[in-house]
Amino acid sequence: MSHQEYSLALGDVNPQDRAALSALITDNAPLFKRFVMSAFPDDMRYAYEPDTFSVTAIDDTQFSFSCCVHYFEPCADRNMHDRHDYQVPYALRDGTLVFSLDETRWVVE
């Protein structure tokens, strides 16, 4: 398994302010690319769309987010934007928001 730990400095963000924590996570949407794309390894037809990233819920121990993955095929009527939902546990430690993402590439045999 390939887990990657990430730490986001809180800076001026109040750890009790869930809206500010959500904004901090959203501002760092590119960090989630390998996690989301691990389900589509080496398939160039799929692309992560960080502009569609949004935190949908957050509590004291985890946050949920949603984002789109674009599927492209030369036949224009087969292109799709699929929305995916995820939950990620997190912790607040020493002025940082810390979470781990499983970036293990999904392989079908």
N, C-alpha and C. Protein backbone atom coordinates (compact mmCIF):
# COMPACT_ATOMS: atom_id res chain seq x y z
N MET A 1 0.84 -1.18 0.00
CA MET A 1 0.00 0.00 0.00
C MET A 1 0.87 1.24 0.00
N SER A 2 0.37 2.26 -0.60
CA SER A 2 1.12 3.50 -0.71
C SER A 2 0.34 4.63 -0.05
N HIS A 3 0.58 4.82 1.24
CA HIS A 3 -0.07 5.90 1.98
C HIS A 3 0.87 7.10 2.02
N GLN A 4 0.30 8.27 1.82
CA GLN A 4 1.06 9.51 1.88
C GLN A 4 0.45 10.40 2.94
N GLU A 5 1.28 10.88 3.86
CA GLU A 5 0.77 11.79 4.88
C GLU A 5 0.99 13.23 4.44
N TYR A 6 -0.02 14.04 4.64
CA TYR A 6 0.03 15.45 4.29
C TYR A 6 -0.21 16.30 5.53
N SER A 7 0.46 17.44 5.60
CA SER A 7 0.31 18.40 6.69
C SER A 7 0.07 19.77 6.08
N LEU A 8 -1.02 20.39 6.48
CA LEU A 8 -1.33 21.74 6.03
C LEU A 8 -1.23 22.68 7.22
N ALA A 9 -0.35 23.65 7.13
CA ALA A 9 -0.20 24.63 8.21
C ALA A 9 -1.49 25.44 8.34
N LEU A 10 -1.97 25.57 9.58
CA LEU A 10 -3.21 26.31 9.83
C LEU A 10 -3.02 27.81 9.66
N GLY A 11 -1.82 28.31 9.93
CA GLY A 11 -1.60 29.75 9.83
C GLY A 11 -2.58 30.49 10.72
N ASP A 12 -3.38 31.38 10.14
CA ASP A 12 -4.35 32.17 10.90
C ASP A 12 -5.71 31.46 11.06
N VAL A 13 -5.83 30.24 10.58
CA VAL A 13 -7.10 29.52 10.65
C VAL A 13 -7.35 29.04 12.08
N ASN A 14 -8.51 29.39 12.61
CA ASN A 14 -8.93 28.92 13.92
C ASN A 14 -9.35 27.45 13.78
N PRO A 15 -8.73 26.53 14.53
CA PRO A 15 -9.05 25.10 14.40
C PRO A 15 -10.50 24.75 14.70
N GLN A 16 -11.22 25.64 15.38
CA GLN A 16 -12.64 25.40 15.68
C GLN A 16 -13.56 25.89 14.57
N ASP A 17 -13.01 26.62 13.62
CA ASP A 17 -13.80 27.20 12.53
C ASP A 17 -13.85 26.21 11.36
N ARG A 18 -14.93 25.43 11.29
CA ARG A 18 -15.05 24.38 10.27
C ARG A 18 -15.07 24.96 8.85
N ALA A 19 -15.68 26.12 8.67
CA ALA A 19 -15.71 26.75 7.35
C ALA A 19 -14.30 27.12 6.90
N ALA A 20 -13.48 27.63 7.82
CA ALA A 20 -12.10 28.00 7.48
C ALA A 20 -11.26 26.75 7.20
N LEU A 21 -11.48 25.67 7.96
CA LEU A 21 -10.78 24.42 7.69
C LEU A 21 -11.17 23.88 6.31
N SER A 22 -12.45 23.95 5.99
CA SER A 22 -12.92 23.51 4.66
C SER A 22 -12.26 24.32 3.56
N ALA A 23 -12.15 25.62 3.76
CA ALA A 23 -11.51 26.48 2.76
C ALA A 23 -10.03 26.13 2.60
N LEU A 24 -9.35 25.84 3.71
CA LEU A 24 -7.94 25.45 3.66
C LEU A 24 -7.77 24.16 2.85
N ILE A 25 -8.63 23.19 3.10
CA ILE A 25 -8.57 21.92 2.36
C ILE A 25 -8.85 22.16 0.89
N THR A 26 -9.88 22.93 0.59
CA THR A 26 -10.24 23.22 -0.80
C THR A 26 -9.12 23.95 -1.53
N ASP A 27 -8.46 24.87 -0.85
CA ASP A 27 -7.34 25.60 -1.46
C ASP A 27 -6.20 24.66 -1.84
N ASN A 28 -6.17 23.48 -1.24
CA ASN A 28 -5.12 22.51 -1.52
C ASN A 28 -5.63 21.31 -2.31
N ALA A 29 -6.67 21.51 -3.10
CA ALA A 29 -7.29 20.45 -3.91
C ALA A 29 -6.29 19.69 -4.79
N PRO A 30 -5.25 20.32 -5.34
CA PRO A 30 -4.31 19.55 -6.17
C PRO A 30 -3.63 18.40 -5.41
N LEU A 31 -3.54 18.49 -4.08
CA LEU A 31 -2.93 17.41 -3.30
C LEU A 31 -3.67 16.08 -3.43
N PHE A 32 -4.93 16.13 -3.80
CA PHE A 32 -5.76 14.93 -3.82
C PHE A 32 -5.74 14.20 -5.16
N LYS A 33 -4.98 14.70 -6.11
CA LYS A 33 -4.97 14.10 -7.45
C LYS A 33 -4.56 12.63 -7.44
N ARG A 34 -3.42 12.29 -6.83
CA ARG A 34 -2.96 10.89 -6.85
C ARG A 34 -3.92 9.98 -6.11
N PHE A 35 -4.53 10.48 -5.05
CA PHE A 35 -5.52 9.70 -4.30
C PHE A 35 -6.72 9.37 -5.19
N VAL A 36 -7.29 10.38 -5.83
CA VAL A 36 -8.45 10.18 -6.69
C VAL A 36 -8.09 9.34 -7.91
N MET A 37 -6.96 9.63 -8.51
CA MET A 37 -6.59 8.95 -9.75
C MET A 37 -6.02 7.55 -9.53
N SER A 38 -5.83 7.15 -8.29
CA SER A 38 -5.32 5.79 -8.03
C SER A 38 -6.29 4.73 -8.54
N ALA A 39 -7.54 5.09 -8.73
CA ALA A 39 -8.53 4.15 -9.28
C ALA A 39 -8.42 4.01 -10.80
N PHE A 40 -7.65 4.90 -11.42
CA PHE A 40 -7.53 4.90 -12.88
C PHE A 40 -6.06 4.93 -13.31
N PRO A 41 -5.24 3.99 -12.85
CA PRO A 41 -3.80 4.07 -13.12
C PRO A 41 -3.46 3.94 -14.61
N ASP A 42 -2.64 4.84 -15.03
CA ASP A 42 -2.11 4.82 -16.40
C ASP A 42 -3.17 4.82 -17.49
N ASP A 43 -4.36 5.28 -17.19
CA ASP A 43 -5.41 5.37 -18.19
C ASP A 43 -5.60 6.84 -18.54
N MET A 44 -5.02 7.24 -19.66
CA MET A 44 -5.01 8.65 -20.04
C MET A 44 -6.38 9.18 -20.43
N ARG A 45 -7.39 8.32 -20.46
CA ARG A 45 -8.73 8.79 -20.78
C ARG A 45 -9.37 9.51 -19.59
N TYR A 46 -8.78 9.37 -18.41
CA TYR A 46 -9.34 9.96 -17.19
C TYR A 46 -8.47 11.12 -16.71
N ALA A 47 -9.11 12.15 -16.20
CA ALA A 47 -8.39 13.31 -15.67
C ALA A 47 -9.08 13.83 -14.42
N TYR A 48 -8.28 14.15 -13.43
CA TYR A 48 -8.77 14.76 -12.19
C TYR A 48 -9.10 16.22 -12.46
N GLU A 49 -10.22 16.69 -11.93
CA GLU A 49 -10.64 18.07 -12.12
C GLU A 49 -10.64 18.81 -10.78
N PRO A 50 -9.49 19.38 -10.38
CA PRO A 50 -9.41 20.04 -9.07
C PRO A 50 -10.36 21.23 -8.92
N ASP A 51 -10.77 21.82 -10.03
CA ASP A 51 -11.70 22.96 -9.95
C ASP A 51 -13.09 22.55 -9.48
N THR A 52 -13.38 21.24 -9.51
CA THR A 52 -14.69 20.75 -9.07
C THR A 52 -14.64 20.26 -7.63
N PHE A 53 -13.50 20.35 -6.99
CA PHE A 53 -13.30 19.87 -5.62
C PHE A 53 -14.10 20.72 -4.65
N SER A 54 -14.82 20.06 -3.75
CA SER A 54 -15.50 20.80 -2.67
C SER A 54 -15.62 19.91 -1.44
N VAL A 55 -15.39 20.52 -0.29
CA VAL A 55 -15.59 19.82 0.98
C VAL A 55 -17.10 19.84 1.23
N THR A 56 -17.67 18.65 1.40
CA THR A 56 -19.13 18.55 1.56
C THR A 56 -19.56 18.43 3.02
N ALA A 57 -18.63 18.00 3.88
CA ALA A 57 -18.93 17.89 5.32
C ALA A 57 -17.60 17.83 6.08
N ILE A 58 -17.62 18.31 7.31
CA ILE A 58 -16.43 18.23 8.15
C ILE A 58 -16.89 18.17 9.60
N ASP A 59 -16.26 17.30 10.38
CA ASP A 59 -16.53 17.23 11.81
C ASP A 59 -15.19 17.21 12.54
N ASP A 60 -15.16 16.75 13.77
CA ASP A 60 -13.93 16.78 14.57
C ASP A 60 -12.88 15.76 14.14
N THR A 61 -13.26 14.76 13.36
CA THR A 61 -12.33 13.67 13.04
C THR A 61 -12.17 13.38 11.56
N GLN A 62 -13.07 13.86 10.72
CA GLN A 62 -12.97 13.56 9.29
C GLN A 62 -13.63 14.64 8.45
N PHE A 63 -13.27 14.66 7.18
CA PHE A 63 -13.95 15.52 6.23
C PHE A 63 -14.35 14.69 5.02
N SER A 64 -15.40 15.10 4.38
CA SER A 64 -15.86 14.48 3.14
C SER A 64 -15.67 15.48 2.03
N PHE A 65 -15.27 14.96 0.87
CA PHE A 65 -15.16 15.85 -0.28
C PHE A 65 -15.70 15.17 -1.52
N SER A 66 -15.99 15.99 -2.49
CA SER A 66 -16.53 15.55 -3.76
C SER A 66 -15.73 16.21 -4.86
N CYS A 67 -15.52 15.49 -5.95
CA CYS A 67 -14.84 16.07 -7.11
C CYS A 67 -15.24 15.29 -8.35
N CYS A 68 -14.96 15.86 -9.49
CA CYS A 68 -15.26 15.19 -10.75
C CYS A 68 -13.99 14.60 -11.36
N VAL A 69 -14.21 13.50 -12.06
CA VAL A 69 -13.18 12.90 -12.89
C VAL A 69 -13.73 12.93 -14.31
N HIS A 70 -12.95 13.50 -15.21
CA HIS A 70 -13.39 13.62 -16.60
C HIS A 70 -12.93 12.38 -17.36
N TYR A 71 -13.85 11.80 -18.09
CA TYR A 71 -13.53 10.67 -18.97
C TYR A 71 -13.63 11.18 -20.39
N PHE A 72 -12.56 10.97 -21.17
CA PHE A 72 -12.52 11.45 -22.54
C PHE A 72 -12.35 10.27 -23.48
N GLU A 73 -13.16 10.26 -24.51
CA GLU A 73 -13.02 9.27 -25.58
C GLU A 73 -13.16 10.02 -26.90
N PRO A 74 -12.48 9.58 -27.94
CA PRO A 74 -12.56 10.30 -29.22
C PRO A 74 -13.99 10.50 -29.72
N CYS A 75 -14.89 9.60 -29.38
CA CYS A 75 -16.30 9.79 -29.74
C CYS A 75 -16.89 10.80 -28.77
N ALA A 76 -17.21 11.97 -29.24
CA ALA A 76 -17.63 13.07 -28.36
C ALA A 76 -18.83 12.73 -27.48
N ASP A 77 -19.71 11.88 -27.95
CA ASP A 77 -20.89 11.58 -27.15
C ASP A 77 -20.59 10.62 -25.99
N ARG A 78 -19.35 10.18 -25.86
CA ARG A 78 -18.98 9.26 -24.79
C ARG A 78 -18.19 9.96 -23.68
N ASN A 79 -17.93 11.24 -23.81
CA ASN A 79 -17.23 11.99 -22.77
C ASN A 79 -18.14 12.16 -21.56
N MET A 80 -17.56 12.05 -20.36
CA MET A 80 -18.36 12.17 -19.14
C MET A 80 -17.59 12.89 -18.06
N HIS A 81 -18.32 13.47 -17.14
CA HIS A 81 -17.78 14.04 -15.91
C HIS A 81 -18.48 13.31 -14.77
N ASP A 82 -17.76 12.40 -14.14
CA ASP A 82 -18.33 11.63 -13.04
C ASP A 82 -17.94 12.25 -11.71
N ARG A 83 -18.93 12.46 -10.85
CA ARG A 83 -18.67 12.99 -9.51
C ARG A 83 -18.39 11.83 -8.58
N HIS A 84 -17.34 11.96 -7.78
CA HIS A 84 -16.94 10.94 -6.82
C HIS A 84 -16.92 11.58 -5.43
N ASP A 85 -17.27 10.78 -4.42
CA ASP A 85 -17.30 11.24 -3.03
C ASP A 85 -16.33 10.42 -2.19
N TYR A 86 -15.66 11.09 -1.27
CA TYR A 86 -14.64 10.45 -0.43
C TYR A 86 -14.75 10.97 1.00
N GLN A 87 -14.27 10.15 1.95
CA GLN A 87 -14.14 10.57 3.34
C GLN A 87 -12.69 10.37 3.76
N VAL A 88 -12.17 11.35 4.47
CA VAL A 88 -10.77 11.32 4.89
C VAL A 88 -10.68 11.67 6.38
N PRO A 89 -10.13 10.76 7.20
CA PRO A 89 -9.88 11.11 8.60
C PRO A 89 -8.76 12.14 8.70
N TYR A 90 -8.83 13.00 9.69
CA TYR A 90 -7.77 13.99 9.89
C TYR A 90 -7.56 14.22 11.38
N ALA A 91 -6.46 14.89 11.69
CA ALA A 91 -6.15 15.30 13.06
C ALA A 91 -5.57 16.70 13.01
N LEU A 92 -5.71 17.41 14.11
CA LEU A 92 -5.08 18.72 14.27
C LEU A 92 -3.94 18.56 15.26
N ARG A 93 -2.71 18.84 14.81
CA ARG A 93 -1.52 18.69 15.65
C ARG A 93 -0.56 19.85 15.44
N ASP A 94 -0.17 20.46 16.52
CA ASP A 94 0.88 21.49 16.48
C ASP A 94 0.66 22.52 15.37
N GLY A 95 -0.55 23.04 15.27
CA GLY A 95 -0.82 24.09 14.28
C GLY A 95 -0.93 23.59 12.85
N THR A 96 -1.15 22.30 12.68
CA THR A 96 -1.31 21.75 11.33
C THR A 96 -2.51 20.82 11.26
N LEU A 97 -3.07 20.71 10.09
CA LEU A 97 -4.11 19.74 9.79
C LEU A 97 -3.39 18.58 9.10
N VAL A 98 -3.49 17.40 9.67
CA VAL A 98 -2.73 16.24 9.19
C VAL A 98 -3.71 15.16 8.72
N PHE A 99 -3.45 14.60 7.54
CA PHE A 99 -4.27 13.50 7.04
C PHE A 99 -3.41 12.60 6.16
N SER A 100 -3.86 11.39 6.00
CA SER A 100 -3.16 10.40 5.19
C SER A 100 -4.08 9.93 4.07
N LEU A 101 -3.52 9.83 2.87
CA LEU A 101 -4.30 9.38 1.72
C LEU A 101 -3.70 8.09 1.17
N ASP A 102 -4.55 7.13 0.87
CA ASP A 102 -4.11 5.88 0.27
C ASP A 102 -4.01 6.10 -1.24
N GLU A 103 -2.78 6.23 -1.72
CA GLU A 103 -2.55 6.49 -3.14
C GLU A 103 -2.13 5.23 -3.89
N THR A 104 -2.48 4.08 -3.29
CA THR A 104 -2.17 2.80 -3.92
C THR A 104 -2.92 2.71 -5.24
N ARG A 105 -2.19 2.38 -6.28
CA ARG A 105 -2.80 2.25 -7.60
C ARG A 105 -3.67 1.01 -7.63
N TRP A 106 -4.89 1.18 -8.10
CA TRP A 106 -5.83 0.08 -8.18
C TRP A 106 -5.53 -0.72 -9.44
N VAL A 107 -5.24 -2.01 -9.29
CA VAL A 107 -4.88 -2.84 -10.43
C VAL A 107 -5.86 -4.02 -10.51
N VAL A 108 -6.41 -4.24 -11.68
CA VAL A 108 -7.30 -5.36 -11.91
C VAL A 108 -6.51 -6.43 -12.64
N GLU A 109 -6.58 -7.62 -12.12
CA GLU A 109 -5.85 -8.72 -12.78
C GLU A 109 -6.80 -9.71 -13.36
